[in-house]
Amino acid sequence: STEVMASQMNSDSSSLTSTISDELREKLDNIPKSLDHESLGTKFDEVSAEIQILSKYLTDTTPFLPPYDIRSSQTMLADLTREVDAKRRQILPKKKFAFTGRKERSNVVRQHKQPNQQDISVENCGISGVSSQNTKTEQVSTEALPKVTYYGNNEDAVGFENKSGATLTLTRKEATGGDINLSNLTNCTVFIHGAPGVVHACKLKKTTVLCGPVFRSFLIENCSDCVFSMACQQLRVHNTDHTDFYLHVTSRAIIEDCTDVRFAPYTWQYSEIDEDYAVSGLNREKNFWDQVNDFKWIKQSVRSPNWSILPEHERISSWPDIPLSSNGDVS
């Protein structure tokens, strides 16, 4: 009956909010105090960003919740927000003033944050100051309030945009520890070696992305008919369809406004992957590749029809070869 269905939706929504809140609290408790100022700030910003996403989910599901569940969920989020603020004040040291030099990188897209520039939005592909290889610098505006925003330091991001039919590679030296932006790629193959800090992918079509272990988040927006193979701490996918993910993720992946996205275990291998896993700090024994939360699917007792497990007979068993430079090294 309608009443029974509504009751189930209430329970499912409240339970999901509680589960994700517990995951965020665990993540908060596990932030190492030994990290440097910038890394600590990034960790706290990521938890705060996820609280915002969870708050939006709660707002979207409010019509289905009874007053008690609404109040308890709001209290849960408020308590978690206070915990984040308290721990930030407790362990985040004041940043000392220092002059820093900028490392030069060749043949890759570079991004510089301008004074008073707002944070980069995944939803809007807001990659300000990004240029394609061998092109002049362009400015891409950011519009509207983003649903997913990365709040970290993005002053030296690298990546590729506005490419078609290309094979694109970032070396370990270029990618490790940095932010990667991929935007407006069609029929491309992208190799990302090393252990990046964060990867953003926006407006990709019929493109394959092979990525080494990511320190923190892999954020995807407006992609279609793509293949992603990645290992990461968090995966967030928005407004994406007909895309396959070969995934190693140490927390539950979240999708929103997605259709026909499929998941399989991470299988890409390359010679330095063990070293990159060690640098990233990801737990290779912990993988939630088949546990996906759909923020647009309220009835958690039944799996969302928007995602599925990729059948074994359809999974890729042989990945594209990594291009080599003229001296025989991985490019």
C-alpha atoms as a PDB file:
ATOM      1  CA  SER A   1       0.000   0.000   0.000  1.00  0.00           C
ATOM      2  CA  THR A   2       0.971   3.650  -0.270  1.00  0.00           C
ATOM      3  CA  GLU A   3       1.300   3.942   3.515  1.00  0.00           C
ATOM      4  CA  VAL A   4       3.615   0.938   3.707  1.00  0.00           C
ATOM      5  CA  MET A   5       5.763   2.290   0.844  1.00  0.00           C
ATOM      6  CA  ALA A   6       5.991   5.715   2.483  1.00  0.00           C
ATOM      7  CA  SER A   7       6.955   4.116   5.786  1.00  0.00           C
ATOM      8  CA  GLN A   8       9.729   2.129   4.064  1.00  0.00           C
ATOM      9  CA  MET A   9      11.039   5.254   2.324  1.00  0.00           C
ATOM     10  CA  ASN A  10      11.127   7.062   5.676  1.00  0.00           C
ATOM     11  CA  SER A  11      13.163   4.275   7.255  1.00  0.00           C
ATOM     12  CA  ASP A  12      15.520   3.931   4.282  1.00  0.00           C
ATOM     13  CA  SER A  13      16.259   7.653   4.026  1.00  0.00           C
ATOM     14  CA  SER A  14      16.874   8.048   7.754  1.00  0.00           C
ATOM     15  CA  SER A  15      19.075   4.939   7.787  1.00  0.00           C
ATOM     16  CA  LEU A  16      21.191   6.151   4.843  1.00  0.00           C
ATOM     17  CA  THR A  17      21.697   9.536   6.518  1.00  0.00           C
ATOM     18  CA  SER A  18      22.841   7.801   9.685  1.00  0.00           C
ATOM     19  CA  THR A  19      25.169   5.437   7.794  1.00  0.00           C
ATOM     20  CA  ILE A  20      26.907   8.195   5.825  1.00  0.00           C
ATOM     21  CA  SER A  21      27.132  10.348   8.956  1.00  0.00           C
ATOM     22  CA  ASP A  22      28.913   7.485  10.720  1.00  0.00           C
ATOM     23  CA  GLU A  23      31.310   7.121   7.775  1.00  0.00           C
ATOM     24  CA  LEU A  24      32.125  10.842   7.863  1.00  0.00           C
ATOM     25  CA  ARG A  25      32.672  10.744  11.623  1.00  0.00           C
ATOM     26  CA  GLU A  26      35.066   7.811  11.178  1.00  0.00           C
ATOM     27  CA  LYS A  27      36.892   9.707   8.453  1.00  0.00           C
ATOM     28  CA  LEU A  28      37.133  12.746  10.760  1.00  0.00           C
ATOM     29  CA  ASP A  29      38.528  10.636  13.601  1.00  0.00           C
ATOM     30  CA  ASN A  30      41.147   9.145  11.284  1.00  0.00           C
ATOM     31  CA  ILE A  31      42.637  12.440  10.090  1.00  0.00           C
ATOM     32  CA  PRO A  32      46.351  12.163  10.996  1.00  0.00           C
ATOM     33  CA  LYS A  33      47.603  15.007  13.170  1.00  0.00           C
ATOM     34  CA  SER A  34      51.040  14.643  11.605  1.00  0.00           C
ATOM     35  CA  LEU A  35      49.953  16.061   8.221  1.00  0.00           C
ATOM     36  CA  ASP A  36      51.167  19.468   7.097  1.00  0.00           C
ATOM     37  CA  HIS A  37      48.912  22.525   7.301  1.00  0.00           C
ATOM     38  CA  GLU A  38      47.691  22.370   3.704  1.00  0.00           C
ATOM     39  CA  SER A  39      46.918  18.637   3.815  1.00  0.00           C
ATOM     40  CA  LEU A  40      45.067  18.996   7.118  1.00  0.00           C
ATOM     41  CA  GLY A  41      42.991  21.838   5.694  1.00  0.00           C
ATOM     42  CA  THR A  42      42.139  19.756   2.633  1.00  0.00           C
ATOM     43  CA  LYS A  43      41.032  16.807   4.776  1.00  0.00           C
ATOM     44  CA  PHE A  44      38.712  18.993   6.831  1.00  0.00           C
ATOM     45  CA  ASP A  45      37.364  20.700   3.696  1.00  0.00           C
ATOM     46  CA  GLU A  46      36.517  17.333   2.154  1.00  0.00           C
ATOM     47  CA  VAL A  47      34.507  16.253   5.207  1.00  0.00           C
ATOM     48  CA  SER A  48      32.707  19.620   5.243  1.00  0.00           C
ATOM     49  CA  ALA A  49      31.903  19.298   1.523  1.00  0.00           C
ATOM     50  CA  GLU A  50      30.410  15.852   2.085  1.00  0.00           C
ATOM     51  CA  ILE A  51      28.286  17.186   4.941  1.00  0.00           C
ATOM     52  CA  GLN A  52      26.903  19.737   2.460  1.00  0.00           C
ATOM     53  CA  ILE A  53      26.057  16.946   0.007  1.00  0.00           C
ATOM     54  CA  LEU A  54      24.356  14.957   2.775  1.00  0.00           C
ATOM     55  CA  SER A  55      22.454  18.070   3.850  1.00  0.00           C
ATOM     56  CA  LYS A  56      21.170  18.507   0.289  1.00  0.00           C
ATOM     57  CA  TYR A  57      20.079  14.874   0.224  1.00  0.00           C
ATOM     58  CA  LEU A  58      18.197  15.399   3.484  1.00  0.00           C
ATOM     59  CA  THR A  59      16.489  18.477   2.015  1.00  0.00           C
ATOM     60  CA  ASP A  60      15.446  16.516  -1.084  1.00  0.00           C
ATOM     61  CA  THR A  61      13.951  13.711   1.010  1.00  0.00           C
ATOM     62  CA  THR A  62      12.193  15.906   3.607  1.00  0.00           C
ATOM     63  CA  PRO A  63       8.734  15.438   1.971  1.00  0.00           C
ATOM     64  CA  PHE A  64       8.994  11.711   2.714  1.00  0.00           C
ATOM     65  CA  LEU A  65      10.184  12.008   6.322  1.00  0.00           C
ATOM     66  CA  PRO A  66       8.084  12.346   9.482  1.00  0.00           C
ATOM     67  CA  PRO A  67       8.893  15.333  11.745  1.00  0.00           C
ATOM     68  CA  TYR A  68      10.824  13.184  14.234  1.00  0.00           C
ATOM     69  CA  ASP A  69      13.201  11.828  11.556  1.00  0.00           C
ATOM     70  CA  ILE A  70      13.677  15.309  10.123  1.00  0.00           C
ATOM     71  CA  ARG A  71      14.643  16.701  13.537  1.00  0.00           C
ATOM     72  CA  SER A  72      16.919  13.775  14.400  1.00  0.00           C
ATOM     73  CA  SER A  73      18.679  13.942  11.021  1.00  0.00           C
ATOM     74  CA  GLN A  74      19.152  17.704  11.293  1.00  0.00           C
ATOM     75  CA  THR A  75      20.528  17.278  14.808  1.00  0.00           C
ATOM     76  CA  MET A  76      22.873  14.568  13.542  1.00  0.00           C
ATOM     77  CA  LEU A  77      24.250  16.861  10.833  1.00  0.00           C
ATOM     78  CA  ALA A  78      24.539  19.821  13.206  1.00  0.00           C
ATOM     79  CA  ASP A  79      26.463  17.710  15.727  1.00  0.00           C
ATOM     80  CA  LEU A  80      28.762  16.433  12.996  1.00  0.00           C
ATOM     81  CA  THR A  81      29.400  19.979  11.732  1.00  0.00           C
ATOM     82  CA  ARG A  82      30.298  21.112  15.266  1.00  0.00           C
ATOM     83  CA  GLU A  83      32.653  18.144  15.631  1.00  0.00           C
ATOM     84  CA  VAL A  84      34.423  19.095  12.405  1.00  0.00           C
ATOM     85  CA  ASP A  85      34.808  22.713  13.526  1.00  0.00           C
ATOM     86  CA  ALA A  86      36.016  21.704  16.990  1.00  0.00           C
ATOM     87  CA  LYS A  87      38.590  19.251  15.697  1.00  0.00           C
ATOM     88  CA  ARG A  88      39.757  21.737  13.058  1.00  0.00           C
ATOM     89  CA  ARG A  89      40.440  24.308  15.807  1.00  0.00           C
ATOM     90  CA  GLN A  90      42.077  21.651  17.953  1.00  0.00           C
ATOM     91  CA  ILE A  91      44.625  20.140  15.569  1.00  0.00           C
ATOM     92  CA  LEU A  92      44.976  22.521  12.606  1.00  0.00           C
ATOM     93  CA  PRO A  93      48.016  24.687  13.317  1.00  0.00           C
ATOM     94  CA  LYS A  94      48.179  28.272  12.199  1.00  0.00           C
ATOM     95  CA  LYS A  95      49.858  28.458   8.830  1.00  0.00           C
ATOM     96  CA  LYS A  96      53.263  30.108   8.932  1.00  0.00           C
ATOM     97  CA  PHE A  97      54.067  32.727   6.366  1.00  0.00           C
ATOM     98  CA  ALA A  98      56.519  31.558   3.734  1.00  0.00           C
ATOM     99  CA  PHE A  99      57.517  32.355   0.181  1.00  0.00           C
ATOM    100  CA  THR A 100      57.015  29.431  -2.146  1.00  0.00           C
ATOM    101  CA  GLY A 101      58.413  28.756  -5.571  1.00  0.00           C
ATOM    102  CA  ARG A 102      56.347  27.334  -8.384  1.00  0.00           C
ATOM    103  CA  LYS A 103      57.605  24.217 -10.111  1.00  0.00           C
ATOM    104  CA  GLU A 104      57.449  24.312 -13.866  1.00  0.00           C
ATOM    105  CA  ARG A 105      55.780  21.475 -15.755  1.00  0.00           C
ATOM    106  CA  SER A 106      55.936  21.018 -19.509  1.00  0.00           C
ATOM    107  CA  ASN A 107      53.337  19.924 -22.068  1.00  0.00           C
ATOM    108  CA  VAL A 108      50.424  19.882 -19.647  1.00  0.00           C
ATOM    109  CA  VAL A 109      47.578  22.227 -18.869  1.00  0.00           C
ATOM    110  CA  ARG A 110      48.309  24.680 -16.048  1.00  0.00           C
ATOM    111  CA  GLN A 111      45.789  26.502 -13.877  1.00  0.00           C
ATOM    112  CA  HIS A 112      46.363  29.556 -11.673  1.00  0.00           C
ATOM    113  CA  LYS A 113      43.861  30.903  -9.171  1.00  0.00           C
ATOM    114  CA  GLN A 114      43.319  34.628  -9.563  1.00  0.00           C
ATOM    115  CA  PRO A 115      42.739  37.024  -6.653  1.00  0.00           C
ATOM    116  CA  ASN A 116      39.202  36.672  -5.241  1.00  0.00           C
ATOM    117  CA  GLN A 117      38.536  33.774  -7.610  1.00  0.00           C
ATOM    118  CA  GLN A 118      35.898  31.406  -6.237  1.00  0.00           C
ATOM    119  CA  ASP A 119      36.504  27.681  -5.787  1.00  0.00           C
ATOM    120  CA  ILE A 120      36.395  25.382  -8.775  1.00  0.00           C
ATOM    121  CA  SER A 121      33.028  23.780  -9.517  1.00  0.00           C
ATOM    122  CA  VAL A 122      32.864  20.266 -10.876  1.00  0.00           C
ATOM    123  CA  GLU A 123      29.289  20.716 -11.985  1.00  0.00           C
ATOM    124  CA  ASN A 124      30.056  23.709 -14.166  1.00  0.00           C
ATOM    125  CA  CYS A 125      33.493  22.584 -15.368  1.00  0.00           C
ATOM    126  CA  GLY A 126      34.750  25.830 -13.872  1.00  0.00           C
ATOM    127  CA  ILE A 127      38.396  25.505 -14.831  1.00  0.00           C
ATOM    128  CA  SER A 128      39.590  29.088 -14.682  1.00  0.00           C
ATOM    129  CA  GLY A 129      42.845  29.964 -16.356  1.00  0.00           C
ATOM    130  CA  VAL A 130      43.193  26.594 -18.098  1.00  0.00           C
ATOM    131  CA  SER A 131      44.695  26.247 -21.541  1.00  0.00           C
ATOM    132  CA  SER A 132      44.962  23.303 -23.911  1.00  0.00           C
ATOM    133  CA  GLN A 133      48.376  22.112 -24.970  1.00  0.00           C
ATOM    134  CA  ASN A 134      50.018  24.559 -27.371  1.00  0.00           C
ATOM    135  CA  THR A 135      47.177  27.060 -27.068  1.00  0.00           C
ATOM    136  CA  LYS A 136      46.772  30.437 -25.410  1.00  0.00           C
ATOM    137  CA  THR A 137      45.312  30.718 -21.934  1.00  0.00           C
ATOM    138  CA  GLU A 138      41.526  30.853 -21.802  1.00  0.00           C
ATOM    139  CA  GLN A 139      39.109  31.929 -19.080  1.00  0.00           C
ATOM    140  CA  VAL A 140      36.094  29.699 -18.393  1.00  0.00           C
ATOM    141  CA  SER A 141      33.468  31.284 -16.163  1.00  0.00           C
ATOM    142  CA  THR A 142      31.776  29.578 -13.249  1.00  0.00           C
ATOM    143  CA  GLU A 143      28.030  30.045 -13.006  1.00  0.00           C
ATOM    144  CA  ALA A 144      25.353  29.003 -10.517  1.00  0.00           C
ATOM    145  CA  LEU A 145      25.813  27.296  -7.187  1.00  0.00           C
ATOM    146  CA  PRO A 146      27.748  24.053  -7.622  1.00  0.00           C
ATOM    147  CA  LYS A 147      26.347  20.796  -6.293  1.00  0.00           C
ATOM    148  CA  VAL A 148      29.837  19.388  -5.829  1.00  0.00           C
ATOM    149  CA  THR A 149      32.766  21.706  -5.174  1.00  0.00           C
ATOM    150  CA  TYR A 150      36.366  20.924  -4.351  1.00  0.00           C
ATOM    151  CA  TYR A 151      37.606  23.339  -1.704  1.00  0.00           C
ATOM    152  CA  GLY A 152      41.311  22.504  -1.751  1.00  0.00           C
ATOM    153  CA  ASN A 153      44.292  24.492  -2.997  1.00  0.00           C
ATOM    154  CA  ASN A 154      43.994  24.416  -6.804  1.00  0.00           C
ATOM    155  CA  GLU A 155      46.727  26.859  -7.792  1.00  0.00           C
ATOM    156  CA  ASP A 156      48.852  24.388  -9.720  1.00  0.00           C
ATOM    157  CA  ALA A 157      46.364  21.957 -11.267  1.00  0.00           C
ATOM    158  CA  VAL A 158      47.311  20.145 -14.460  1.00  0.00           C
ATOM    159  CA  GLY A 159      45.299  18.245 -17.054  1.00  0.00           C
ATOM    160  CA  PHE A 160      43.799  18.394 -20.527  1.00  0.00           C
ATOM    161  CA  GLU A 161      40.815  20.070 -22.167  1.00  0.00           C
ATOM    162  CA  ASN A 162      39.235  20.489 -25.599  1.00  0.00           C
ATOM    163  CA  LYS A 163      40.784  17.414 -27.193  1.00  0.00           C
ATOM    164  CA  SER A 164      39.386  14.879 -29.668  1.00  0.00           C
ATOM    165  CA  GLY A 165      40.813  11.536 -30.773  1.00  0.00           C
ATOM    166  CA  ALA A 166      43.989  11.976 -28.729  1.00  0.00           C
ATOM    167  CA  THR A 167      46.117   9.806 -26.450  1.00  0.00           C
ATOM    168  CA  LEU A 168      47.010  11.937 -23.417  1.00  0.00           C
ATOM    169  CA  THR A 169      49.473  11.075 -20.656  1.00  0.00           C
ATOM    170  CA  LEU A 170      50.481  12.562 -17.321  1.00  0.00           C
ATOM    171  CA  THR A 171      53.700  11.175 -15.856  1.00  0.00           C
ATOM    172  CA  ARG A 172      54.206  10.295 -12.197  1.00  0.00           C
ATOM    173  CA  LYS A 173      56.249  13.471 -11.740  1.00  0.00           C
ATOM    174  CA  GLU A 174      53.457  15.631 -13.186  1.00  0.00           C
ATOM    175  CA  ALA A 175      50.555  13.934 -11.401  1.00  0.00           C
ATOM    176  CA  THR A 176      51.663  12.773  -7.954  1.00  0.00           C
ATOM    177  CA  GLY A 177      50.200  14.865  -5.141  1.00  0.00           C
ATOM    178  CA  GLY A 178      48.593  17.364  -7.527  1.00  0.00           C
ATOM    179  CA  ASP A 179      45.106  18.235  -8.751  1.00  0.00           C
ATOM    180  CA  ILE A 180      44.108  16.924 -12.177  1.00  0.00           C
ATOM    181  CA  ASN A 181      41.457  18.530 -14.395  1.00  0.00           C
ATOM    182  CA  LEU A 182      40.027  16.789 -17.485  1.00  0.00           C
ATOM    183  CA  SER A 183      37.437  18.724 -19.478  1.00  0.00           C
ATOM    184  CA  ASN A 184      35.733  18.529 -22.883  1.00  0.00           C
ATOM    185  CA  LEU A 185      37.453  15.394 -24.166  1.00  0.00           C
ATOM    186  CA  THR A 186      35.936  13.234 -26.923  1.00  0.00           C
ATOM    187  CA  ASN A 187      37.195   9.860 -28.173  1.00  0.00           C
ATOM    188  CA  CYS A 188      40.365  10.180 -26.104  1.00  0.00           C
ATOM    189  CA  THR A 189      42.455   7.791 -24.017  1.00  0.00           C
ATOM    190  CA  VAL A 190      43.974   9.330 -20.886  1.00  0.00           C
ATOM    191  CA  PHE A 191      46.788   7.750 -18.837  1.00  0.00           C
ATOM    192  CA  ILE A 192      47.401   9.245 -15.375  1.00  0.00           C
ATOM    193  CA  HIS A 193      50.395   7.744 -13.608  1.00  0.00           C
ATOM    194  CA  GLY A 194      51.420   8.365 -10.022  1.00  0.00           C
ATOM    195  CA  ALA A 195      49.206   9.180  -7.045  1.00  0.00           C
ATOM    196  CA  PRO A 196      47.231  12.399  -7.699  1.00  0.00           C
ATOM    197  CA  GLY A 197      45.589  14.318  -4.870  1.00  0.00           C
ATOM    198  CA  VAL A 198      42.227  14.950  -6.572  1.00  0.00           C
ATOM    199  CA  VAL A 199      40.920  14.281 -10.087  1.00  0.00           C
ATOM    200  CA  HIS A 200      38.075  16.247 -11.724  1.00  0.00           C
ATOM    201  CA  ALA A 201      36.508  14.982 -14.973  1.00  0.00           C
ATOM    202  CA  CYS A 202      33.849  17.064 -16.704  1.00  0.00           C
ATOM    203  CA  LYS A 203      32.128  16.778 -20.094  1.00  0.00           C
ATOM    204  CA  LEU A 204      33.917  13.684 -21.348  1.00  0.00           C
ATOM    205  CA  LYS A 205      32.426  11.623 -24.189  1.00  0.00           C
ATOM    206  CA  LYS A 206      33.502   8.190 -25.449  1.00  0.00           C
ATOM    207  CA  THR A 207      36.737   8.576 -23.508  1.00  0.00           C
ATOM    208  CA  THR A 208      38.760   6.065 -21.484  1.00  0.00           C
ATOM    209  CA  VAL A 209      40.551   7.310 -18.357  1.00  0.00           C
ATOM    210  CA  LEU A 210      43.120   5.062 -16.664  1.00  0.00           C
ATOM    211  CA  CYS A 211      44.326   6.490 -13.373  1.00  0.00           C
ATOM    212  CA  GLY A 212      46.700   5.421 -10.620  1.00  0.00           C
ATOM    213  CA  PRO A 213      45.726   5.545  -6.908  1.00  0.00           C
ATOM    214  CA  VAL A 214      44.226   8.924  -5.907  1.00  0.00           C
ATOM    215  CA  PHE A 215      44.953  10.323  -2.421  1.00  0.00           C
ATOM    216  CA  ARG A 216      41.470  11.741  -1.949  1.00  0.00           C
ATOM    217  CA  SER A 217      38.563  12.280  -4.355  1.00  0.00           C
ATOM    218  CA  PHE A 218      37.663  11.484  -7.937  1.00  0.00           C
ATOM    219  CA  LEU A 219      34.856  13.839  -9.014  1.00  0.00           C
ATOM    220  CA  ILE A 220      32.961  13.247 -12.277  1.00  0.00           C
ATOM    221  CA  GLU A 221      30.347  15.453 -13.947  1.00  0.00           C
ATOM    222  CA  ASN A 222      28.451  15.376 -17.244  1.00  0.00           C
ATOM    223  CA  CYS A 223      30.203  12.382 -18.813  1.00  0.00           C
ATOM    224  CA  SER A 224      28.714   9.942 -21.315  1.00  0.00           C
ATOM    225  CA  ASP A 225      29.764   6.628 -22.903  1.00  0.00           C
ATOM    226  CA  CYS A 226      33.066   6.587 -21.023  1.00  0.00           C
ATOM    227  CA  VAL A 227      35.232   4.081 -19.191  1.00  0.00           C
ATOM    228  CA  PHE A 228      37.023   5.008 -15.958  1.00  0.00           C
ATOM    229  CA  SER A 229      39.535   2.797 -14.185  1.00  0.00           C
ATOM    230  CA  MET A 230      40.676   4.310 -10.892  1.00  0.00           C
ATOM    231  CA  ALA A 231      41.537   3.759  -7.258  1.00  0.00           C
ATOM    232  CA  CYS A 232      40.534   6.494  -4.815  1.00  0.00           C
ATOM    233  CA  GLN A 233      39.348   7.325  -1.334  1.00  0.00           C
ATOM    234  CA  GLN A 234      36.062   8.837  -2.539  1.00  0.00           C
ATOM    235  CA  LEU A 235      34.108   8.726  -5.806  1.00  0.00           C
ATOM    236  CA  ARG A 236      31.355  11.238  -6.586  1.00  0.00           C
ATOM    237  CA  VAL A 237      29.537  11.016  -9.936  1.00  0.00           C
ATOM    238  CA  HIS A 238      26.925  13.495 -11.123  1.00  0.00           C
ATOM    239  CA  ASN A 239      24.791  13.706 -14.270  1.00  0.00           C
ATOM    240  CA  THR A 240      26.597  10.864 -16.045  1.00  0.00           C
ATOM    241  CA  ASP A 241      25.209   8.063 -18.221  1.00  0.00           C
ATOM    242  CA  HIS A 242      26.238   4.881 -20.086  1.00  0.00           C
ATOM    243  CA  THR A 243      29.593   4.778 -18.321  1.00  0.00           C
ATOM    244  CA  ASP A 244      31.583   1.905 -16.804  1.00  0.00           C
ATOM    245  CA  PHE A 245      33.743   2.170 -13.706  1.00  0.00           C
ATOM    246  CA  TYR A 246      36.555  -0.221 -12.813  1.00  0.00           C
ATOM    247  CA  LEU A 247      36.877   0.847  -9.236  1.00  0.00           C
ATOM    248  CA  HIS A 248      38.844   0.534  -6.040  1.00  0.00           C
ATOM    249  CA  VAL A 249      37.292   2.900  -3.478  1.00  0.00           C
ATOM    250  CA  THR A 250      37.707   2.880   0.297  1.00  0.00           C
ATOM    251  CA  SER A 251      34.332   4.503   1.030  1.00  0.00           C
ATOM    252  CA  ARG A 252      30.939   4.085  -0.595  1.00  0.00           C
ATOM    253  CA  ALA A 253      30.737   5.738  -4.010  1.00  0.00           C
ATOM    254  CA  ILE A 254      27.956   8.288  -4.481  1.00  0.00           C
ATOM    255  CA  ILE A 255      26.052   8.902  -7.710  1.00  0.00           C
ATOM    256  CA  GLU A 256      23.397  11.537  -8.402  1.00  0.00           C
ATOM    257  CA  ASP A 257      21.322  12.170 -11.534  1.00  0.00           C
ATOM    258  CA  CYS A 258      23.004   9.223 -13.262  1.00  0.00           C
ATOM    259  CA  THR A 259      21.637   6.469 -15.513  1.00  0.00           C
ATOM    260  CA  ASP A 260      23.109   3.178 -16.724  1.00  0.00           C
ATOM    261  CA  VAL A 261      26.400   3.398 -14.849  1.00  0.00           C
ATOM    262  CA  ARG A 262      28.086   0.052 -14.170  1.00  0.00           C
ATOM    263  CA  PHE A 263      30.775  -1.017 -11.731  1.00  0.00           C
ATOM    264  CA  ALA A 264      33.526  -3.652 -11.654  1.00  0.00           C
ATOM    265  CA  PRO A 265      36.733  -4.074  -9.628  1.00  0.00           C
ATOM    266  CA  TYR A 266      39.807  -2.017 -10.500  1.00  0.00           C
ATOM    267  CA  THR A 267      42.080  -4.042 -12.794  1.00  0.00           C
ATOM    268  CA  TRP A 268      44.470  -1.618 -14.503  1.00  0.00           C
ATOM    269  CA  GLN A 269      48.099  -2.529 -13.810  1.00  0.00           C
ATOM    270  CA  TYR A 270      51.397  -0.824 -14.589  1.00  0.00           C
ATOM    271  CA  SER A 271      54.958  -1.301 -13.369  1.00  0.00           C
ATOM    272  CA  GLU A 272      54.983   1.358 -10.618  1.00  0.00           C
ATOM    273  CA  ILE A 273      51.483   0.778  -9.234  1.00  0.00           C
ATOM    274  CA  ASP A 274      52.720  -0.754  -5.954  1.00  0.00           C
ATOM    275  CA  GLU A 275      54.829   2.328  -5.259  1.00  0.00           C
ATOM    276  CA  ASP A 276      51.924   4.625  -6.104  1.00  0.00           C
ATOM    277  CA  TYR A 277      49.586   2.738  -3.773  1.00  0.00           C
ATOM    278  CA  ALA A 278      52.140   3.159  -0.987  1.00  0.00           C
ATOM    279  CA  VAL A 279      52.361   6.908  -1.654  1.00  0.00           C
ATOM    280  CA  SER A 280      48.569   7.322  -1.761  1.00  0.00           C
ATOM    281  CA  GLY A 281      48.012   5.515   1.532  1.00  0.00           C
ATOM    282  CA  LEU A 282      44.968   3.655   0.168  1.00  0.00           C
ATOM    283  CA  ASN A 283      44.133   0.366   1.827  1.00  0.00           C
ATOM    284  CA  ARG A 284      44.320  -2.246  -0.940  1.00  0.00           C
ATOM    285  CA  GLU A 285      42.366  -4.738   1.169  1.00  0.00           C
ATOM    286  CA  LYS A 286      39.382  -2.397   1.558  1.00  0.00           C
ATOM    287  CA  ASN A 287      37.234  -1.967  -1.555  1.00  0.00           C
ATOM    288  CA  PHE A 288      33.563  -0.919  -1.760  1.00  0.00           C
ATOM    289  CA  TRP A 289      33.417  -1.081  -5.557  1.00  0.00           C
ATOM    290  CA  ASP A 290      29.991  -2.781  -5.511  1.00  0.00           C
ATOM    291  CA  GLN A 291      28.395  -0.655  -2.762  1.00  0.00           C
ATOM    292  CA  VAL A 292      27.019   2.515  -4.340  1.00  0.00           C
ATOM    293  CA  ASN A 293      24.739   5.157  -2.815  1.00  0.00           C
ATOM    294  CA  ASP A 294      22.343   6.843  -5.246  1.00  0.00           C
ATOM    295  CA  PHE A 295      21.214  10.167  -3.806  1.00  0.00           C
ATOM    296  CA  LYS A 296      18.247  10.232  -6.177  1.00  0.00           C
ATOM    297  CA  TRP A 297      16.955   6.835  -5.112  1.00  0.00           C
ATOM    298  CA  ILE A 298      15.093   6.951  -1.815  1.00  0.00           C
ATOM    299  CA  LYS A 299      14.048   3.329  -1.435  1.00  0.00           C
ATOM    300  CA  GLN A 300      17.283   1.861  -0.094  1.00  0.00           C
ATOM    301  CA  SER A 301      15.806  -1.610   0.525  1.00  0.00           C
ATOM    302  CA  VAL A 302      15.771  -2.036  -3.274  1.00  0.00           C
ATOM    303  CA  ARG A 303      18.919  -1.252  -5.248  1.00  0.00           C
ATOM    304  CA  SER A 304      18.730   1.768  -7.484  1.00  0.00           C
ATOM    305  CA  PRO A 305      17.996   0.945 -11.154  1.00  0.00           C
ATOM    306  CA  ASN A 306      20.457   3.666 -12.155  1.00  0.00           C
ATOM    307  CA  TRP A 307      23.536   1.528 -11.482  1.00  0.00           C
ATOM    308  CA  SER A 308      24.468  -2.126 -11.809  1.00  0.00           C
ATOM    309  CA  ILE A 309      27.325  -4.602 -11.595  1.00  0.00           C
ATOM    310  CA  LEU A 310      29.195  -4.927 -14.891  1.00  0.00           C
ATOM    311  CA  PRO A 311      28.815  -8.567 -16.030  1.00  0.00           C
ATOM    312  CA  GLU A 312      32.112 -10.445 -15.973  1.00  0.00           C
ATOM    313  CA  HIS A 313      31.911 -11.449 -19.620  1.00  0.00           C
ATOM    314  CA  GLU A 314      31.654  -7.760 -20.613  1.00  0.00           C
ATOM    315  CA  ARG A 315      34.586  -6.556 -18.527  1.00  0.00           C
ATOM    316  CA  ILE A 316      37.769  -5.315 -20.180  1.00  0.00           C
ATOM    317  CA  SER A 317      40.601  -7.794 -19.659  1.00  0.00           C
ATOM    318  CA  SER A 318      43.288  -6.087 -21.749  1.00  0.00           C
ATOM    319  CA  TRP A 319      43.855  -2.349 -21.316  1.00  0.00           C
ATOM    320  CA  PRO A 320      45.498  -0.059 -23.911  1.00  0.00           C
ATOM    321  CA  ASP A 321      49.285  -0.032 -23.902  1.00  0.00           C
ATOM    322  CA  ILE A 322      50.964   2.890 -22.179  1.00  0.00           C
ATOM    323  CA  PRO A 323      52.676   5.169 -24.730  1.00  0.00           C
ATOM    324  CA  LEU A 324      56.470   5.373 -24.488  1.00  0.00           C
ATOM    325  CA  SER A 325      58.650   8.414 -25.033  1.00  0.00           C
ATOM    326  CA  SER A 326      61.508   8.463 -27.528  1.00  0.00           C
ATOM    327  CA  ASN A 327      64.006   7.244 -24.893  1.00  0.00           C
ATOM    328  CA  GLY A 328      61.880   4.225 -24.039  1.00  0.00           C
ATOM    329  CA  ASP A 329      60.555   5.571 -20.728  1.00  0.00           C
ATOM    330  CA  VAL A 330      56.881   5.808 -19.862  1.00  0.00           C
ATOM    331  CA  SER A 331      55.847   9.233 -21.110  1.00  0.00           C
END
